[in-house]
């Protein structure tokens, strides 16, 4: 019995060391993300931002540090807002922190110039975020700290904030995520007059196998916004090389 226990301990230690080595190798590898989503509606934090859209992503990550470019352009409505975001983030263990620069082609600058950062004229919104992933659930907090932010009741910068809790789970061959998000106080950026739940969502993702080496992830999501009294059914697919 003692030999069996020693053998098991030895196996467990070896597996632990190998997993540690694998993790170290993964951290030392530069990872690149090239993909794009196609969605029937652009819904963000419970807010409707556009109709059918093409949303590409280009990112690079190394040792927990990542830089990601993300965009959105309407496919069916030429008046839909175009968006281009840059996010710098850092993750260590379950902890993550980041800064995002959102840019929209509609806003304070009548000419919609990207390289316009002047206060009270820029179409950029700068947001900081911090969060922690506990495995069974994660929590994220976001706050606008500069740029074209909303206003509070006194007509001053609201430092508009949003937080959400998400929980992943598996059910019936799909990967699911349940999300609850809220705005903590008054801001016309989110259209709230105080604490308000703006995002209750349930999302399912499944890979559709095309060939032995290629599959396309598809996803469906039900989104409800109790604050605006609106609900949405979102469907999309992800294209990856």
Protein backbone atom coordinates (compact mmCIF):
# COMPACT_ATOMS: atom_id res chain seq x y z
CA UNK A 1 0.00 0.00 0.00
CA UNK A 2 2.88 2.33 0.87
CA UNK A 3 4.49 1.71 -2.52
CA UNK A 4 1.23 2.55 -4.26
CA UNK A 5 0.97 5.80 -2.30
CA UNK A 6 4.60 6.67 -3.11
CA UNK A 7 3.99 5.92 -6.79
CA UNK A 8 0.88 8.11 -6.81
CA UNK A 9 2.72 10.96 -5.08
CA UNK A 10 5.57 10.65 -7.57
CA UNK A 11 3.15 10.73 -10.50
CA UNK A 12 1.33 13.73 -9.05
CA UNK A 13 4.61 15.60 -8.49
CA UNK A 14 5.78 14.83 -12.03
CA UNK A 15 2.46 16.02 -13.48
CA UNK A 16 2.69 19.19 -11.42
CA UNK A 17 6.22 19.90 -12.62
CA UNK A 18 5.27 19.24 -16.24
CA UNK A 19 2.23 21.49 -15.99
CA UNK A 20 4.41 24.18 -14.45
CA UNK A 21 6.91 23.84 -17.28
CA UNK A 22 4.12 24.01 -19.84
CA UNK A 23 2.71 27.14 -18.20
CA UNK A 24 6.17 28.74 -18.17
CA UNK A 25 6.65 27.95 -21.85
CA UNK A 26 3.24 29.37 -22.67
CA UNK A 27 4.11 32.59 -20.84
CA UNK A 28 7.31 32.93 -22.85
CA UNK A 29 5.46 32.56 -26.16
CA UNK A 30 4.12 35.55 -28.07
CA UNK A 31 0.48 34.88 -28.88
CA UNK A 32 -1.39 36.56 -31.73
CA UNK A 33 -5.15 36.83 -32.18
CA UNK A 34 -6.67 37.39 -35.62
CA UNK A 35 -10.42 36.88 -35.82
CA UNK A 36 -13.73 38.58 -36.57
CA UNK A 37 -17.32 38.31 -35.38
CA UNK A 38 -20.40 38.81 -37.52
CA UNK A 39 -23.49 39.69 -35.45
CA UNK A 40 -27.12 40.43 -36.28
CA UNK A 41 -27.16 43.25 -33.69
CA UNK A 42 -24.44 45.20 -31.89
CA UNK A 43 -25.41 45.10 -28.21
CA UNK A 44 -22.93 46.39 -25.62
CA UNK A 45 -23.55 46.25 -21.88
CA UNK A 46 -27.26 46.10 -22.54
CA UNK A 47 -27.23 49.09 -24.91
CA UNK A 48 -28.16 48.91 -28.61
CA UNK A 49 -25.31 50.42 -30.64
CA UNK A 50 -26.10 49.19 -34.15
CA UNK A 51 -27.60 46.65 -36.49
CA UNK A 52 -25.84 43.80 -38.34
CA UNK A 53 -22.11 44.39 -37.94
CA UNK A 54 -18.67 43.06 -38.80
CA UNK A 55 -16.32 43.21 -35.80
CA UNK A 56 -12.64 42.33 -36.39
CA UNK A 57 -10.01 41.75 -33.67
CA UNK A 58 -6.22 41.90 -33.89
CA UNK A 59 -4.25 41.27 -30.73
CA UNK A 60 -0.85 40.33 -29.40
CA UNK A 61 0.04 39.04 -25.92
CA UNK A 62 3.25 38.21 -24.07
CA UNK A 63 3.76 37.21 -20.42
CA UNK A 64 0.36 38.54 -19.34
CA UNK A 65 0.69 41.83 -21.21
CA UNK A 66 -1.64 42.32 -24.18
CA UNK A 67 -2.46 44.94 -26.79
CA UNK A 68 -5.70 44.49 -28.71
CA UNK A 69 -7.34 46.40 -31.56
CA UNK A 70 -11.08 45.91 -32.06
CA UNK A 71 -13.52 47.50 -34.45
CA UNK A 72 -17.12 47.50 -35.58
CA UNK A 73 -18.71 48.57 -38.85
CA UNK A 74 -22.35 48.22 -39.91
CA UNK A 75 -23.17 45.87 -42.77
CA UNK A 76 -26.79 46.79 -43.47
CA UNK A 77 -27.19 50.37 -42.25
CA UNK A 78 -24.67 52.93 -43.56
CA UNK A 79 -25.61 55.33 -40.75
CA UNK A 80 -24.43 52.91 -38.03
CA UNK A 81 -21.58 54.28 -35.96
CA UNK A 82 -18.12 53.01 -36.83
CA UNK A 83 -15.91 52.13 -33.87
CA UNK A 84 -12.20 51.51 -33.33
CA UNK A 85 -10.88 50.53 -29.88
CA UNK A 86 -7.39 49.95 -28.52
CA UNK A 87 -6.93 48.09 -25.24
CA UNK A 88 -3.76 47.64 -23.21
CA UNK A 89 -4.15 45.00 -20.52
CA UNK A 90 -2.19 42.98 -18.00
CA UNK A 91 -3.21 39.68 -16.40
CA UNK A 92 -1.51 37.74 -13.62
CA UNK A 93 -3.28 34.77 -12.13
CA UNK A 94 -6.94 35.68 -11.85
CA UNK A 95 -6.23 39.43 -11.56
CA UNK A 96 -6.47 41.75 -14.56
CA UNK A 97 -6.19 45.46 -15.18
CA UNK A 98 -6.35 47.55 -18.34
CA UNK A 99 -6.95 50.80 -20.19
CA UNK A 100 -9.14 51.13 -23.27
CA UNK A 101 -9.32 53.93 -25.84
CA UNK A 102 -12.73 53.89 -27.55
CA UNK A 103 -13.19 55.94 -30.71
CA UNK A 104 -16.42 56.54 -32.60
CA UNK A 105 -16.93 58.36 -35.88
CA UNK A 106 -19.81 60.32 -34.34
CA UNK A 107 -19.59 62.57 -31.30
CA UNK A 108 -18.18 65.97 -30.36
CA UNK A 109 -15.86 66.39 -33.34
CA UNK A 110 -18.02 67.31 -36.35
CA UNK A 111 -15.28 66.13 -38.73
CA UNK A 112 -14.89 62.80 -36.88
CA UNK A 113 -11.10 63.06 -36.85
CA UNK A 114 -9.32 60.19 -35.12
CA UNK A 115 -6.24 62.20 -34.06
CA UNK A 116 -8.29 64.82 -32.23
CA UNK A 117 -7.68 64.60 -28.48
CA UNK A 118 -8.62 68.14 -27.49
CA UNK A 119 -10.89 68.33 -24.45
CA UNK A 120 -14.59 68.94 -25.21
CA UNK A 121 -14.00 68.08 -28.88
CA UNK A 122 -12.62 64.57 -29.00
CA UNK A 123 -14.63 61.51 -30.00
CA UNK A 124 -12.36 59.30 -27.87
CA UNK A 125 -13.47 57.84 -24.55
CA UNK A 126 -10.78 56.57 -22.19
CA UNK A 127 -11.72 53.85 -19.74
CA UNK A 128 -9.84 51.97 -16.99
CA UNK A 129 -10.85 48.52 -15.83
CA UNK A 130 -9.94 46.12 -13.05
CA UNK A 131 -11.23 42.65 -12.30
CA UNK A 132 -10.67 39.20 -10.92
CA UNK A 133 -11.53 35.77 -12.25
CA UNK A 134 -12.32 33.32 -9.46
CA UNK A 135 -12.85 30.44 -11.90
CA UNK A 136 -16.50 29.80 -11.05
CA UNK A 137 -17.26 33.49 -11.62
CA UNK A 138 -15.51 36.75 -12.48
CA UNK A 139 -16.14 40.39 -11.62
CA UNK A 140 -15.11 43.47 -13.63
CA UNK A 141 -15.30 47.21 -12.91
CA UNK A 142 -14.99 49.87 -15.65
CA UNK A 143 -14.69 53.67 -15.23
CA UNK A 144 -14.33 56.42 -17.85
CA UNK A 145 -11.57 58.81 -16.77
CA UNK A 146 -11.08 61.09 -19.80
CA UNK A 147 -12.42 61.99 -23.22
CA UNK A 148 -16.04 62.20 -24.33
CA UNK A 149 -17.57 60.96 -21.08
CA UNK A 150 -21.13 61.60 -19.91
CA UNK A 151 -22.36 64.14 -17.35
CA UNK A 152 -23.79 63.81 -13.85
CA UNK A 153 -26.73 65.69 -12.35
CA UNK A 154 -24.60 68.81 -11.84
CA UNK A 155 -23.47 68.87 -15.45
CA UNK A 156 -19.93 67.80 -14.61
CA UNK A 157 -17.93 64.79 -15.77
CA UNK A 158 -19.67 61.71 -14.44
CA UNK A 159 -16.70 59.35 -14.51
CA UNK A 160 -19.26 56.94 -15.86
CA UNK A 161 -18.84 53.44 -14.46
CA UNK A 162 -20.18 49.97 -15.06
CA UNK A 163 -19.58 46.67 -13.31
CA UNK A 164 -20.62 43.12 -14.04
CA UNK A 165 -20.44 39.60 -12.69
CA UNK A 166 -20.16 36.66 -15.10
CA UNK A 167 -20.37 32.92 -14.47
CA UNK A 168 -19.41 30.30 -17.09
CA UNK A 169 -20.84 26.79 -17.18
CA UNK A 170 -21.37 23.87 -19.55
CA UNK A 171 -24.76 22.48 -20.53
CA UNK A 172 -25.95 20.27 -23.41
CA UNK A 173 -22.65 20.36 -25.38
CA UNK A 174 -22.51 24.17 -25.25
CA UNK A 175 -20.38 26.64 -23.31
CA UNK A 176 -22.65 29.07 -21.45
CA UNK A 177 -22.06 32.39 -19.70
CA UNK A 178 -24.54 34.18 -17.45
CA UNK A 179 -23.90 37.89 -16.92
CA UNK A 180 -25.41 40.56 -14.70
CA UNK A 181 -24.23 44.16 -15.14
CA UNK A 182 -25.17 47.50 -13.58
CA UNK A 183 -24.35 51.21 -13.61
CA UNK A 184 -23.79 52.44 -10.04
CA UNK A 185 -24.90 56.08 -10.35
CA UNK A 186 -26.34 58.85 -12.55
CA UNK A 187 -24.71 59.36 -15.95
CA UNK A 188 -26.15 60.28 -19.32
CA UNK A 189 -23.38 58.17 -20.90
CA UNK A 190 -25.43 55.06 -20.04
CA UNK A 191 -28.77 56.89 -19.76
CA UNK A 192 -29.23 56.17 -16.05
CA UNK A 193 -30.56 58.38 -13.26
CA UNK A 194 -29.01 56.40 -10.41
CA UNK A 195 -28.10 52.80 -9.69
CA UNK A 196 -29.53 50.74 -12.54
CA UNK A 197 -29.26 47.18 -13.80
CA UNK A 198 -28.62 47.54 -17.54
CA UNK A 199 -27.46 44.10 -18.64
CA UNK A 200 -28.86 40.65 -17.89
CA UNK A 201 -27.52 38.20 -20.45
CA UNK A 202 -27.33 34.49 -21.12
CA UNK A 203 -24.98 33.37 -23.89
CA UNK A 204 -24.36 29.95 -25.43
CA UNK A 205 -21.39 29.10 -27.70
CA UNK A 206 -20.85 25.96 -29.78
CA UNK A 207 -18.25 24.95 -32.37
CA UNK A 208 -19.67 23.78 -35.70
CA UNK A 209 -17.25 21.33 -37.25
CA UNK A 210 -16.63 21.96 -40.96
CA UNK A 211 -13.66 19.63 -41.51
CA UNK A 212 -11.39 17.59 -39.27
CA UNK A 213 -9.14 20.61 -38.80
CA UNK A 214 -11.57 23.53 -39.13
CA UNK A 215 -14.63 24.61 -37.16
CA UNK A 216 -16.66 27.80 -36.76
CA UNK A 217 -17.81 28.94 -33.32
CA UNK A 218 -21.38 30.23 -33.31
CA UNK A 219 -23.13 31.92 -30.43
CA UNK A 220 -26.59 33.00 -29.39
CA UNK A 221 -27.40 35.43 -26.59
CA UNK A 222 -30.51 36.70 -24.88
CA UNK A 223 -29.98 40.19 -23.45
CA UNK A 224 -32.35 42.14 -21.24
CA UNK A 225 -31.97 45.75 -20.07
CA UNK A 226 -34.32 46.35 -17.10
CA UNK A 227 -33.37 50.03 -17.05
CA UNK A 228 -34.48 50.77 -20.63
CA UNK A 229 -37.13 48.00 -20.59
CA UNK A 230 -35.66 46.49 -23.77
CA UNK A 231 -34.63 42.96 -24.75
CA UNK A 232 -32.58 41.54 -27.60
CA UNK A 233 -31.81 38.20 -29.22
CA UNK A 234 -28.29 38.20 -30.65
CA UNK A 235 -26.80 35.64 -33.01
CA UNK A 236 -23.26 35.61 -34.32
CA UNK A 237 -20.35 33.62 -35.62
CA UNK A 238 -16.60 33.92 -35.21
CA UNK A 239 -14.16 33.64 -38.12
CA UNK A 240 -10.64 32.47 -37.33
CA UNK A 241 -7.76 31.39 -39.62
